Amino acid sequence: MTGTKILFLEDDILYQESIKDILEEKEFIVETCNNGQEFLNKIFENVYDLYIIDINVPQIDGYEIMKMLREYNDNTMKLVLTSIPNSVINSFKNGCDGFLSKNTDVDELILRIKAMIKRAYHTYKEEIELDCNIIYDIFHKKIYKNKNPIEIEIQSLYVLDYLIKNRGFFICNEELEKNIYPCSSESKSNVLRYHIWNIRRVLGKDLIESKYKSGYMLKATCA
């Protein structure tokens, strides 16, 4: 199953389950954790599109989590969702990309999440045109060619997804590996070369440009 993958840090289990159910109804893929250490364990083993973070959680609080993510240069979008009063300024100082109170209307929460995901892709739309007949659905991570769905290996899809987010810029192997594989992975550059070959095989060899020492670039398109 592909789609926007969210990690939700929240220690109030009833609230956690309620928000998880709402997001899954909107076809987001949601994983949850109850404390800061569990959050770190999950991001060590997995890659996500968005973190939703409560501040007042056990073991490692939300502020410390965001500091650690910033020190690691984790570019994943971070939405603080909390009931802690007067926490907006500290949340942004510690690296969040968005802030909402827990008493915010659910519809606004969904809109904010979608807006942040679009921001990650530098677009205002839910689909990005990669070529004259190739469309990428950013929320479901699906490719369409001439309006027909195109199947591609999941890890190759993650490589393409990251290149789409950074289209128009060369991305080196090290950055690709860091952002498409979890920290626990022992990925190698020759595996990346396979995925680039696979993307070119499916979508056309001219879509991705490669340059020695600079890495790979998805040619810029209108978003």
N, C-alpha and C. Protein backbone atom coordinates (compact mmCIF):
# COMPACT_ATOMS: atom_id res chain seq x y z
N MET A 1 0.84 -1.19 0.00
CA MET A 1 0.00 0.00 0.00
C MET A 1 0.87 1.24 0.00
N THR A 2 0.62 2.15 -0.90
CA THR A 2 1.37 3.39 -0.96
C THR A 2 0.48 4.57 -0.58
N GLY A 3 1.11 5.63 -0.14
CA GLY A 3 0.37 6.82 0.23
C GLY A 3 1.17 7.66 1.20
N THR A 4 0.57 8.75 1.66
CA THR A 4 1.21 9.64 2.60
C THR A 4 1.30 8.96 3.96
N LYS A 5 2.52 8.81 4.46
CA LYS A 5 2.76 8.05 5.68
C LYS A 5 3.04 9.02 6.83
N ILE A 6 2.24 8.92 7.89
CA ILE A 6 2.30 9.84 9.02
C ILE A 6 2.68 9.07 10.29
N LEU A 7 3.58 9.67 11.08
CA LEU A 7 3.89 9.14 12.41
C LEU A 7 3.32 10.11 13.44
N PHE A 8 2.46 9.61 14.30
CA PHE A 8 1.72 10.43 15.26
C PHE A 8 2.20 10.13 16.67
N LEU A 9 2.83 11.11 17.32
CA LEU A 9 3.30 10.99 18.70
C LEU A 9 2.27 11.59 19.64
N GLU A 10 1.62 10.74 20.42
CA GLU A 10 0.54 11.20 21.32
C GLU A 10 0.34 10.16 22.42
N ASP A 11 0.39 10.60 23.69
CA ASP A 11 0.27 9.65 24.80
C ASP A 11 -1.15 9.48 25.32
N ASP A 12 -2.07 10.33 24.89
CA ASP A 12 -3.48 10.16 25.24
C ASP A 12 -4.07 9.16 24.24
N ILE A 13 -4.24 7.91 24.69
CA ILE A 13 -4.59 6.84 23.77
C ILE A 13 -5.94 7.06 23.10
N LEU A 14 -6.93 7.53 23.84
CA LEU A 14 -8.25 7.76 23.25
C LEU A 14 -8.17 8.83 22.16
N TYR A 15 -7.47 9.92 22.44
CA TYR A 15 -7.32 10.98 21.44
C TYR A 15 -6.49 10.48 20.26
N GLN A 16 -5.44 9.74 20.57
CA GLN A 16 -4.59 9.17 19.51
C GLN A 16 -5.41 8.30 18.56
N GLU A 17 -6.22 7.41 19.11
CA GLU A 17 -7.01 6.51 18.28
C GLU A 17 -8.06 7.27 17.48
N SER A 18 -8.64 8.30 18.10
CA SER A 18 -9.65 9.10 17.40
C SER A 18 -9.07 9.80 16.18
N ILE A 19 -7.91 10.45 16.35
CA ILE A 19 -7.28 11.16 15.23
C ILE A 19 -6.79 10.16 14.19
N LYS A 20 -6.26 9.04 14.63
CA LYS A 20 -5.79 8.01 13.69
C LYS A 20 -6.94 7.53 12.81
N ASP A 21 -8.09 7.27 13.41
CA ASP A 21 -9.25 6.82 12.64
C ASP A 21 -9.68 7.87 11.61
N ILE A 22 -9.68 9.13 12.02
CA ILE A 22 -10.10 10.20 11.12
C ILE A 22 -9.13 10.31 9.93
N LEU A 23 -7.83 10.24 10.21
CA LEU A 23 -6.84 10.36 9.14
C LEU A 23 -6.89 9.15 8.20
N GLU A 24 -7.12 7.99 8.76
CA GLU A 24 -7.19 6.79 7.91
C GLU A 24 -8.44 6.82 7.03
N GLU A 25 -9.51 7.43 7.51
CA GLU A 25 -10.70 7.59 6.67
C GLU A 25 -10.39 8.47 5.45
N LYS A 26 -9.40 9.35 5.59
CA LYS A 26 -8.97 10.22 4.49
C LYS A 26 -7.84 9.59 3.68
N GLU A 27 -7.58 8.30 3.92
CA GLU A 27 -6.64 7.48 3.17
C GLU A 27 -5.17 7.82 3.45
N PHE A 28 -4.90 8.43 4.61
CA PHE A 28 -3.53 8.55 5.06
C PHE A 28 -3.12 7.24 5.74
N ILE A 29 -1.83 6.93 5.66
CA ILE A 29 -1.28 5.78 6.37
C ILE A 29 -0.71 6.29 7.68
N VAL A 30 -1.23 5.81 8.81
CA VAL A 30 -0.88 6.39 10.10
C VAL A 30 -0.29 5.33 11.02
N GLU A 31 0.89 5.63 11.58
CA GLU A 31 1.47 4.84 12.66
C GLU A 31 1.52 5.72 13.90
N THR A 32 1.40 5.11 15.06
CA THR A 32 1.34 5.87 16.30
C THR A 32 2.42 5.43 17.27
N CYS A 33 2.74 6.33 18.19
CA CYS A 33 3.65 6.01 19.29
C CYS A 33 3.23 6.81 20.51
N ASN A 34 3.56 6.29 21.70
CA ASN A 34 3.05 6.86 22.95
C ASN A 34 4.07 7.69 23.71
N ASN A 35 5.35 7.61 23.33
CA ASN A 35 6.39 8.35 24.04
C ASN A 35 7.53 8.69 23.09
N GLY A 36 8.41 9.58 23.54
CA GLY A 36 9.47 10.07 22.68
C GLY A 36 10.45 9.01 22.26
N GLN A 37 10.77 8.08 23.14
CA GLN A 37 11.72 7.03 22.78
C GLN A 37 11.15 6.11 21.70
N GLU A 38 9.87 5.79 21.82
CA GLU A 38 9.22 4.98 20.80
C GLU A 38 9.22 5.70 19.46
N PHE A 39 9.02 7.01 19.48
CA PHE A 39 9.09 7.82 18.26
C PHE A 39 10.45 7.67 17.60
N LEU A 40 11.53 7.81 18.37
CA LEU A 40 12.88 7.68 17.81
C LEU A 40 13.13 6.28 17.26
N ASN A 41 12.63 5.27 17.97
CA ASN A 41 12.79 3.90 17.48
C ASN A 41 12.10 3.71 16.14
N LYS A 42 10.93 4.30 15.97
CA LYS A 42 10.18 4.13 14.72
C LYS A 42 10.87 4.84 13.56
N ILE A 43 11.40 6.06 13.79
CA ILE A 43 12.03 6.75 12.67
C ILE A 43 13.39 6.14 12.33
N PHE A 44 13.93 5.35 13.26
CA PHE A 44 15.16 4.60 12.97
C PHE A 44 14.88 3.47 11.99
N GLU A 45 13.67 2.94 12.04
CA GLU A 45 13.32 1.77 11.22
C GLU A 45 12.48 2.12 9.99
N ASN A 46 11.94 3.35 9.92
CA ASN A 46 11.00 3.69 8.85
C ASN A 46 11.22 5.12 8.37
N VAL A 47 10.64 5.42 7.22
CA VAL A 47 10.67 6.77 6.65
C VAL A 47 9.23 7.26 6.53
N TYR A 48 9.00 8.52 6.91
CA TYR A 48 7.64 9.07 6.93
C TYR A 48 7.59 10.37 6.11
N ASP A 49 6.36 10.76 5.76
CA ASP A 49 6.14 12.02 5.04
C ASP A 49 5.82 13.17 5.98
N LEU A 50 5.29 12.85 7.18
CA LEU A 50 4.87 13.88 8.12
C LEU A 50 4.92 13.33 9.53
N TYR A 51 5.42 14.16 10.46
CA TYR A 51 5.34 13.85 11.87
C TYR A 51 4.28 14.75 12.50
N ILE A 52 3.38 14.16 13.29
CA ILE A 52 2.47 14.94 14.13
C ILE A 52 2.92 14.71 15.57
N ILE A 53 3.26 15.80 16.27
CA ILE A 53 3.96 15.69 17.54
C ILE A 53 3.23 16.44 18.64
N ASP A 54 2.92 15.73 19.72
CA ASP A 54 2.45 16.40 20.93
C ASP A 54 3.68 16.81 21.74
N ILE A 55 3.56 17.86 22.53
CA ILE A 55 4.69 18.36 23.30
C ILE A 55 4.88 17.59 24.60
N ASN A 56 3.82 17.45 25.37
CA ASN A 56 3.91 16.86 26.70
C ASN A 56 3.72 15.35 26.63
N VAL A 57 4.80 14.64 26.31
CA VAL A 57 4.76 13.18 26.21
C VAL A 57 5.88 12.59 27.07
N PRO A 58 5.75 11.33 27.50
CA PRO A 58 6.75 10.74 28.39
C PRO A 58 8.11 10.51 27.72
N GLN A 59 9.12 10.38 28.57
CA GLN A 59 10.49 10.00 28.24
C GLN A 59 11.27 11.11 27.52
N ILE A 60 10.86 11.49 26.33
CA ILE A 60 11.50 12.59 25.62
C ILE A 60 10.38 13.47 25.09
N ASP A 61 10.33 14.74 25.53
CA ASP A 61 9.19 15.56 25.14
C ASP A 61 9.32 16.06 23.70
N GLY A 62 8.23 16.66 23.21
CA GLY A 62 8.17 17.07 21.81
C GLY A 62 9.21 18.09 21.43
N TYR A 63 9.54 19.01 22.34
CA TYR A 63 10.58 20.00 22.04
C TYR A 63 11.92 19.32 21.79
N GLU A 64 12.29 18.39 22.68
CA GLU A 64 13.56 17.69 22.53
C GLU A 64 13.58 16.84 21.26
N ILE A 65 12.45 16.23 20.96
CA ILE A 65 12.35 15.45 19.71
C ILE A 65 12.67 16.33 18.52
N MET A 66 12.06 17.52 18.46
CA MET A 66 12.27 18.40 17.31
C MET A 66 13.70 18.93 17.25
N LYS A 67 14.31 19.18 18.42
CA LYS A 67 15.72 19.58 18.44
C LYS A 67 16.59 18.49 17.83
N MET A 68 16.33 17.25 18.20
CA MET A 68 17.11 16.13 17.69
C MET A 68 16.91 15.96 16.19
N LEU A 69 15.67 16.13 15.72
CA LEU A 69 15.40 16.03 14.29
C LEU A 69 16.13 17.12 13.53
N ARG A 70 16.18 18.32 14.10
CA ARG A 70 16.87 19.44 13.45
C ARG A 70 18.37 19.18 13.39
N GLU A 71 18.95 18.66 14.47
CA GLU A 71 20.38 18.36 14.50
C GLU A 71 20.75 17.28 13.49
N TYR A 72 19.81 16.38 13.25
CA TYR A 72 20.04 15.31 12.28
C TYR A 72 19.73 15.76 10.85
N ASN A 73 19.25 17.00 10.69
CA ASN A 73 18.84 17.51 9.38
C ASN A 73 17.72 16.67 8.76
N ASP A 74 16.78 16.27 9.61
CA ASP A 74 15.61 15.53 9.14
C ASP A 74 14.63 16.55 8.56
N ASN A 75 14.39 16.48 7.24
CA ASN A 75 13.55 17.46 6.55
C ASN A 75 12.07 17.09 6.53
N THR A 76 11.70 16.00 7.19
CA THR A 76 10.30 15.60 7.24
C THR A 76 9.45 16.70 7.87
N MET A 77 8.29 16.98 7.27
CA MET A 77 7.40 18.00 7.80
C MET A 77 6.96 17.63 9.22
N LYS A 78 6.93 18.66 10.11
CA LYS A 78 6.61 18.44 11.52
C LYS A 78 5.44 19.34 11.92
N LEU A 79 4.34 18.73 12.31
CA LEU A 79 3.16 19.46 12.77
C LEU A 79 2.99 19.22 14.26
N VAL A 80 3.05 20.28 15.04
CA VAL A 80 2.78 20.17 16.48
C VAL A 80 1.27 20.24 16.70
N LEU A 81 0.75 19.24 17.42
CA LEU A 81 -0.67 19.18 17.77
C LEU A 81 -0.74 18.99 19.28
N THR A 82 -1.07 20.04 20.00
CA THR A 82 -0.94 19.99 21.46
C THR A 82 -2.00 20.82 22.14
N SER A 83 -2.16 20.57 23.44
CA SER A 83 -3.06 21.39 24.27
C SER A 83 -2.26 22.25 25.23
N ILE A 84 -0.93 22.22 25.13
CA ILE A 84 -0.08 23.02 26.02
C ILE A 84 -0.25 24.50 25.70
N PRO A 85 -0.65 25.33 26.66
CA PRO A 85 -0.85 26.76 26.39
C PRO A 85 0.47 27.47 26.14
N ASN A 86 0.42 28.52 25.33
CA ASN A 86 1.58 29.38 25.06
C ASN A 86 2.79 28.60 24.54
N SER A 87 2.53 27.61 23.69
CA SER A 87 3.62 26.77 23.18
C SER A 87 3.92 27.02 21.71
N VAL A 88 3.24 27.98 21.10
CA VAL A 88 3.43 28.23 19.66
C VAL A 88 4.84 28.68 19.37
N ILE A 89 5.32 29.69 20.08
CA ILE A 89 6.65 30.26 19.79
C ILE A 89 7.74 29.22 20.01
N ASN A 90 7.70 28.51 21.14
CA ASN A 90 8.73 27.49 21.40
C ASN A 90 8.68 26.36 20.39
N SER A 91 7.49 26.03 19.91
CA SER A 91 7.37 24.96 18.91
C SER A 91 8.09 25.36 17.63
N PHE A 92 7.87 26.58 17.17
CA PHE A 92 8.54 27.02 15.94
C PHE A 92 10.03 27.23 16.17
N LYS A 93 10.43 27.71 17.35
CA LYS A 93 11.85 27.87 17.64
C LYS A 93 12.58 26.53 17.60
N ASN A 94 11.87 25.47 17.97
CA ASN A 94 12.49 24.16 18.01
C ASN A 94 12.35 23.37 16.72
N GLY A 95 11.72 23.99 15.70
CA GLY A 95 11.79 23.37 14.38
C GLY A 95 10.51 22.86 13.77
N CYS A 96 9.35 23.17 14.33
CA CYS A 96 8.13 22.68 13.70
C CYS A 96 7.82 23.48 12.43
N ASP A 97 7.05 22.89 11.55
CA ASP A 97 6.63 23.54 10.30
C ASP A 97 5.19 24.02 10.37
N GLY A 98 4.45 23.54 11.37
CA GLY A 98 3.07 23.93 11.54
C GLY A 98 2.63 23.68 12.97
N PHE A 99 1.60 24.39 13.41
CA PHE A 99 1.14 24.27 14.80
C PHE A 99 -0.38 24.31 14.83
N LEU A 100 -0.98 23.41 15.62
CA LEU A 100 -2.42 23.43 15.85
C LEU A 100 -2.71 23.06 17.29
N SER A 101 -3.76 23.65 17.83
CA SER A 101 -4.25 23.25 19.15
C SER A 101 -5.15 22.02 18.99
N LYS A 102 -5.20 21.21 20.05
CA LYS A 102 -6.02 20.00 19.99
C LYS A 102 -7.52 20.30 19.89
N ASN A 103 -7.91 21.50 20.25
CA ASN A 103 -9.34 21.83 20.12
C ASN A 103 -9.67 22.38 18.73
N THR A 104 -8.71 22.32 17.81
CA THR A 104 -8.95 22.75 16.44
C THR A 104 -9.95 21.82 15.76
N ASP A 105 -10.77 22.37 14.91
CA ASP A 105 -11.73 21.57 14.15
C ASP A 105 -11.00 20.53 13.30
N VAL A 106 -11.57 19.34 13.22
CA VAL A 106 -10.94 18.25 12.47
C VAL A 106 -10.74 18.61 11.00
N ASP A 107 -11.70 19.32 10.42
CA ASP A 107 -11.56 19.71 9.01
C ASP A 107 -10.34 20.60 8.81
N GLU A 108 -10.08 21.48 9.78
CA GLU A 108 -8.89 22.33 9.68
C GLU A 108 -7.62 21.50 9.79
N LEU A 109 -7.64 20.49 10.66
CA LEU A 109 -6.49 19.60 10.79
C LEU A 109 -6.18 18.93 9.45
N ILE A 110 -7.20 18.41 8.78
CA ILE A 110 -7.00 17.75 7.49
C ILE A 110 -6.45 18.75 6.47
N LEU A 111 -7.02 19.94 6.44
CA LEU A 111 -6.55 20.96 5.49
C LEU A 111 -5.11 21.33 5.76
N ARG A 112 -4.74 21.45 7.04
CA ARG A 112 -3.37 21.82 7.39
C ARG A 112 -2.39 20.71 6.98
N ILE A 113 -2.77 19.47 7.22
CA ILE A 113 -1.92 18.36 6.83
C ILE A 113 -1.70 18.35 5.31
N LYS A 114 -2.79 18.51 4.57
CA LYS A 114 -2.67 18.51 3.11
C LYS A 114 -1.81 19.68 2.63
N ALA A 115 -1.97 20.83 3.25
CA ALA A 115 -1.18 22.00 2.86
C ALA A 115 0.31 21.77 3.12
N MET A 116 0.63 21.12 4.23
CA MET A 116 2.04 20.85 4.55
C MET A 116 2.64 19.82 3.60
N ILE A 117 1.87 18.81 3.23
CA ILE A 117 2.36 17.83 2.27
C ILE A 117 2.60 18.50 0.91
N LYS A 118 1.68 19.34 0.49
CA LYS A 118 1.87 20.08 -0.76
C LYS A 118 3.12 20.96 -0.70
N ARG A 119 3.34 21.58 0.46
CA ARG A 119 4.52 22.43 0.61
C ARG A 119 5.80 21.61 0.43
N ALA A 120 5.79 20.37 0.91
CA ALA A 120 6.96 19.51 0.76
C ALA A 120 7.27 19.24 -0.71
N TYR A 121 6.23 19.25 -1.55
CA TYR A 121 6.40 19.02 -2.98
C TYR A 121 6.47 20.33 -3.78
N HIS A 122 6.42 21.47 -3.06
CA HIS A 122 6.48 22.79 -3.71
C HIS A 122 5.37 22.95 -4.75
N THR A 123 4.16 22.64 -4.34
CA THR A 123 3.02 22.73 -5.25
C THR A 123 1.77 23.13 -4.48
N TYR A 124 0.77 23.62 -5.20
CA TYR A 124 -0.53 23.91 -4.61
C TYR A 124 -1.57 22.88 -5.06
N LYS A 125 -1.11 21.90 -5.82
CA LYS A 125 -2.02 20.92 -6.39
C LYS A 125 -1.81 19.55 -5.77
N GLU A 126 -2.73 18.64 -6.03
CA GLU A 126 -2.60 17.28 -5.52
C GLU A 126 -1.91 16.37 -6.53
N GLU A 127 -1.71 16.86 -7.73
CA GLU A 127 -1.02 16.10 -8.77
C GLU A 127 0.06 16.96 -9.41
N ILE A 128 1.17 16.31 -9.78
CA ILE A 128 2.28 17.01 -10.43
C ILE A 128 2.51 16.39 -11.80
N GLU A 129 2.61 17.22 -12.79
CA GLU A 129 2.87 16.75 -14.15
C GLU A 129 4.37 16.57 -14.33
N LEU A 130 4.79 15.32 -14.51
CA LEU A 130 6.20 15.02 -14.69
C LEU A 130 6.63 15.14 -16.14
N ASP A 131 5.70 14.88 -17.03
CA ASP A 131 5.93 14.99 -18.47
C ASP A 131 4.57 15.24 -19.10
N CYS A 132 4.55 15.41 -20.39
CA CYS A 132 3.29 15.79 -21.04
C CYS A 132 2.17 14.77 -20.82
N ASN A 133 2.53 13.52 -20.54
CA ASN A 133 1.49 12.50 -20.36
C ASN A 133 1.69 11.68 -19.09
N ILE A 134 2.53 12.20 -18.17
CA ILE A 134 2.82 11.47 -16.93
C ILE A 134 2.45 12.34 -15.73
N ILE A 135 1.57 11.80 -14.86
CA ILE A 135 1.08 12.53 -13.71
C ILE A 135 1.43 11.76 -12.43
N TYR A 136 1.81 12.51 -11.38
CA TYR A 136 2.11 11.89 -10.08
C TYR A 136 1.13 12.41 -9.04
N ASP A 137 0.40 11.49 -8.41
CA ASP A 137 -0.54 11.79 -7.34
C ASP A 137 0.25 11.81 -6.03
N ILE A 138 0.43 13.01 -5.44
CA ILE A 138 1.34 13.14 -4.31
C ILE A 138 0.81 12.51 -3.03
N PHE A 139 -0.51 12.45 -2.86
CA PHE A 139 -1.06 11.90 -1.62
C PHE A 139 -1.12 10.38 -1.63
N HIS A 140 -1.35 9.79 -2.78
CA HIS A 140 -1.42 8.34 -2.87
C HIS A 140 -0.14 7.73 -3.43
N LYS A 141 0.82 8.60 -3.84
CA LYS A 141 2.08 8.17 -4.43
C LYS A 141 1.84 7.18 -5.57
N LYS A 142 1.05 7.62 -6.53
CA LYS A 142 0.74 6.80 -7.69
C LYS A 142 1.09 7.55 -8.97
N ILE A 143 1.54 6.80 -9.95
CA ILE A 143 1.94 7.36 -11.24
C ILE A 143 0.92 6.97 -12.30
N TYR A 144 0.57 7.94 -13.14
CA TYR A 144 -0.36 7.69 -14.23
C TYR A 144 0.27 8.14 -15.54
N LYS A 145 0.21 7.27 -16.52
CA LYS A 145 0.71 7.61 -17.86
C LYS A 145 -0.46 7.48 -18.82
N ASN A 146 -0.79 8.59 -19.49
CA ASN A 146 -1.98 8.63 -20.35
C ASN A 146 -3.23 8.20 -19.56
N LYS A 147 -3.27 8.63 -18.28
CA LYS A 147 -4.38 8.38 -17.35
C LYS A 147 -4.48 6.93 -16.89
N ASN A 148 -3.52 6.11 -17.26
CA ASN A 148 -3.50 4.72 -16.82
C ASN A 148 -2.47 4.55 -15.71
N PRO A 149 -2.80 3.81 -14.63
CA PRO A 149 -1.84 3.63 -13.54
C PRO A 149 -0.61 2.84 -13.98
N ILE A 150 0.54 3.26 -13.49
CA ILE A 150 1.81 2.62 -13.81
C ILE A 150 2.36 1.97 -12.54
N GLU A 151 2.72 0.70 -12.62
CA GLU A 151 3.29 0.01 -11.48
C GLU A 151 4.81 0.13 -11.50
N ILE A 152 5.39 0.34 -10.32
CA ILE A 152 6.84 0.43 -10.19
C ILE A 152 7.22 -0.10 -8.82
N GLU A 153 8.40 -0.70 -8.71
CA GLU A 153 8.83 -1.23 -7.42
C GLU A 153 8.78 -0.16 -6.35
N ILE A 154 8.42 -0.56 -5.12
CA ILE A 154 8.16 0.41 -4.07
C ILE A 154 9.38 1.25 -3.75
N GLN A 155 10.58 0.66 -3.69
CA GLN A 155 11.76 1.45 -3.35
C GLN A 155 12.13 2.40 -4.49
N SER A 156 11.90 1.97 -5.72
CA SER A 156 12.11 2.87 -6.86
C SER A 156 11.14 4.04 -6.78
N LEU A 157 9.92 3.76 -6.33
CA LEU A 157 8.92 4.81 -6.17
C LEU A 157 9.38 5.83 -5.13
N TYR A 158 9.99 5.37 -4.03
CA TYR A 158 10.47 6.30 -3.01
C TYR A 158 11.59 7.18 -3.54
N VAL A 159 12.45 6.61 -4.37
CA VAL A 159 13.51 7.41 -5.00
C VAL A 159 12.88 8.49 -5.88
N LEU A 160 11.93 8.08 -6.70
CA LEU A 160 11.24 9.04 -7.57
C LEU A 160 10.54 10.11 -6.74
N ASP A 161 9.88 9.70 -5.67
CA ASP A 161 9.15 10.64 -4.82
C ASP A 161 10.08 11.72 -4.27
N TYR A 162 11.26 11.32 -3.81
CA TYR A 162 12.19 12.32 -3.26
C TYR A 162 12.72 13.24 -4.36
N LEU A 163 12.97 12.69 -5.52
CA LEU A 163 13.43 13.52 -6.64
C LEU A 163 12.34 14.50 -7.08
N ILE A 164 11.09 14.08 -7.00
CA ILE A 164 9.98 14.98 -7.33
C ILE A 164 9.93 16.14 -6.34
N LYS A 165 10.12 15.85 -5.07
CA LYS A 165 10.12 16.91 -4.05
C LYS A 165 11.24 17.92 -4.30
N ASN A 166 12.31 17.46 -4.93
CA ASN A 166 13.47 18.31 -5.15
C ASN A 166 13.75 18.53 -6.64
N ARG A 167 12.69 18.47 -7.44
CA ARG A 167 12.86 18.57 -8.89
C ARG A 167 13.56 19.88 -9.27
N GLY A 168 14.43 19.77 -10.25
CA GLY A 168 15.19 20.93 -10.70
C GLY A 168 16.53 21.08 -10.01
N PHE A 169 16.82 20.20 -9.04
CA PHE A 169 18.09 20.25 -8.30
C PHE A 169 18.76 18.88 -8.32
N PHE A 170 20.08 18.87 -8.43
CA PHE A 170 20.81 17.62 -8.34
C PHE A 170 20.86 17.16 -6.89
N ILE A 171 20.59 15.87 -6.68
CA ILE A 171 20.62 15.26 -5.36
C ILE A 171 21.69 14.17 -5.36
N CYS A 172 22.64 14.28 -4.45
CA CYS A 172 23.73 13.30 -4.42
C CYS A 172 23.25 11.98 -3.82
N ASN A 173 24.06 10.94 -4.05
CA ASN A 173 23.70 9.61 -3.56
C ASN A 173 23.49 9.59 -2.05
N GLU A 174 24.37 10.29 -1.33
CA GLU A 174 24.29 10.27 0.14
C GLU A 174 22.97 10.85 0.63
N GLU A 175 22.52 11.94 0.02
CA GLU A 175 21.26 12.54 0.44
C GLU A 175 20.08 11.64 0.10
N LEU A 176 20.13 11.04 -1.08
CA LEU A 176 19.07 10.12 -1.46
C LEU A 176 18.98 8.96 -0.47
N GLU A 177 20.13 8.37 -0.17
CA GLU A 177 20.14 7.23 0.75
C GLU A 177 19.60 7.63 2.12
N LYS A 178 19.98 8.80 2.59
CA LYS A 178 19.56 9.25 3.91
C LYS A 178 18.06 9.47 3.98
N ASN A 179 17.45 9.89 2.90
CA ASN A 179 16.05 10.30 2.93
C ASN A 179 15.07 9.26 2.40
N ILE A 180 15.55 8.23 1.73
CA ILE A 180 14.62 7.21 1.26
C ILE A 180 14.77 5.88 1.99
N TYR A 181 15.88 5.72 2.72
CA TYR A 181 16.07 4.52 3.52
C TYR A 181 16.06 4.90 5.00
N PRO A 182 15.51 4.04 5.87
CA PRO A 182 15.60 4.31 7.30
C PRO A 182 17.03 4.22 7.79
N CYS A 183 17.30 4.78 8.96
CA CYS A 183 18.67 4.78 9.50
C CYS A 183 19.22 3.37 9.66
N SER A 184 18.33 2.41 9.90
CA SER A 184 18.77 1.03 10.13
C SER A 184 19.22 0.33 8.85
N SER A 185 18.96 0.94 7.69
CA SER A 185 19.27 0.29 6.43
C SER A 185 20.76 0.34 6.13
N GLU A 186 21.24 -0.67 5.43
CA GLU A 186 22.62 -0.68 4.95
C GLU A 186 22.64 -0.56 3.43
N SER A 187 21.93 0.44 2.94
CA SER A 187 21.79 0.63 1.50
C SER A 187 23.14 1.02 0.88
N LYS A 188 23.30 0.70 -0.38
CA LYS A 188 24.52 1.01 -1.13
C LYS A 188 24.17 1.79 -2.38
N SER A 189 25.16 2.57 -2.88
CA SER A 189 24.92 3.41 -4.04
C SER A 189 24.57 2.60 -5.28
N ASN A 190 25.12 1.38 -5.39
CA ASN A 190 24.80 0.58 -6.58
C ASN A 190 23.33 0.18 -6.59
N VAL A 191 22.69 0.11 -5.41
CA VAL A 191 21.26 -0.15 -5.35
C VAL A 191 20.50 1.06 -5.88
N LEU A 192 20.96 2.26 -5.54
CA LEU A 192 20.34 3.47 -6.06
C LEU A 192 20.41 3.51 -7.58
N ARG A 193 21.54 3.12 -8.11
CA ARG A 193 21.68 3.11 -9.58
C ARG A 193 20.65 2.19 -10.22
N TYR A 194 20.36 1.08 -9.56
CA TYR A 194 19.33 0.18 -10.08
C TYR A 194 17.98 0.88 -10.09
N HIS A 195 17.66 1.57 -9.01
CA HIS A 195 16.35 2.23 -8.93
C HIS A 195 16.23 3.35 -9.98
N ILE A 196 17.31 4.08 -10.20
CA ILE A 196 17.30 5.12 -11.25
C ILE A 196 17.07 4.47 -12.61
N TRP A 197 17.77 3.37 -12.85
CA TRP A 197 17.56 2.64 -14.11
C TRP A 197 16.12 2.18 -14.24
N ASN A 198 15.55 1.71 -13.14
CA ASN A 198 14.18 1.20 -13.16
C ASN A 198 13.19 2.32 -13.46
N ILE A 199 13.39 3.49 -12.85
CA ILE A 199 12.51 4.64 -13.12
C ILE A 199 12.60 5.04 -14.58
N ARG A 200 13.81 5.11 -15.11
CA ARG A 200 13.99 5.48 -16.51
C ARG A 200 13.34 4.45 -17.44
N ARG A 201 13.44 3.19 -17.06
CA ARG A 201 12.84 2.12 -17.87
C ARG A 201 11.33 2.29 -17.96
N VAL A 202 10.72 2.69 -16.85
CA VAL A 202 9.26 2.79 -16.80
C VAL A 202 8.76 4.11 -17.37
N LEU A 203 9.46 5.20 -17.08
CA LEU A 203 8.94 6.53 -17.41
C LEU A 203 9.69 7.22 -18.55
N GLY A 204 10.80 6.66 -18.98
CA GLY A 204 11.56 7.28 -20.05
C GLY A 204 12.92 7.76 -19.56
N LYS A 205 13.94 7.57 -20.36
CA LYS A 205 15.31 7.84 -19.93
C LYS A 205 15.63 9.32 -19.80
N ASP A 206 14.82 10.19 -20.40
CA ASP A 206 15.14 11.61 -20.39
C ASP A 206 14.57 12.36 -19.19
N LEU A 207 13.79 11.68 -18.36
CA LEU A 207 13.14 12.36 -17.23
C LEU A 207 14.13 12.71 -16.12
N ILE A 208 15.14 11.86 -15.94
CA ILE A 208 16.14 12.07 -14.88
C ILE A 208 17.50 12.30 -15.50
N GLU A 209 18.15 13.37 -15.10
CA GLU A 209 19.50 13.70 -15.57
C GLU A 209 20.49 13.29 -14.49
N SER A 210 21.61 12.73 -14.89
CA SER A 210 22.65 12.36 -13.93
C SER A 210 23.94 13.10 -14.27
N LYS A 211 24.71 13.40 -13.23
CA LYS A 211 25.97 14.11 -13.41
C LYS A 211 26.96 13.59 -12.39
N TYR A 212 28.16 13.28 -12.84
CA TYR A 212 29.19 12.73 -11.97
C TYR A 212 29.45 13.67 -10.79
N LYS A 213 29.46 13.13 -9.60
CA LYS A 213 29.68 13.82 -8.33
C LYS A 213 28.50 14.69 -7.89
N SER A 214 27.60 15.04 -8.81
CA SER A 214 26.45 15.86 -8.44
C SER A 214 25.23 15.02 -8.09
N GLY A 215 25.12 13.82 -8.72
CA GLY A 215 24.01 12.94 -8.44
C GLY A 215 22.95 12.94 -9.52
N TYR A 216 21.68 12.98 -9.11
CA TYR A 216 20.56 12.84 -10.04
C TYR A 216 19.59 14.02 -9.87
N MET A 217 18.98 14.39 -10.99
CA MET A 217 18.03 15.48 -10.97
C MET A 217 16.81 15.14 -11.84
N LEU A 218 15.63 15.27 -11.25
CA LEU A 218 14.42 15.18 -12.02
C LEU A 218 14.20 16.54 -12.66
N LYS A 219 14.03 16.57 -13.94
CA LYS A 219 13.91 17.84 -14.65
C LYS A 219 12.70 18.62 -14.14
N ALA A 220 12.89 19.90 -13.95
CA ALA A 220 11.85 20.75 -13.38
C ALA A 220 10.62 20.76 -14.29
N THR A 221 9.44 20.73 -13.66
CA THR A 221 8.18 20.74 -14.39
C THR A 221 7.26 21.78 -13.77
N CYS A 222 6.21 22.08 -14.46
CA CYS A 222 5.20 22.98 -13.89
C CYS A 222 4.41 22.19 -12.85
N ALA A 223 4.24 22.76 -11.66
CA ALA A 223 3.51 22.07 -10.60
C ALA A 223 2.11 22.60 -10.47
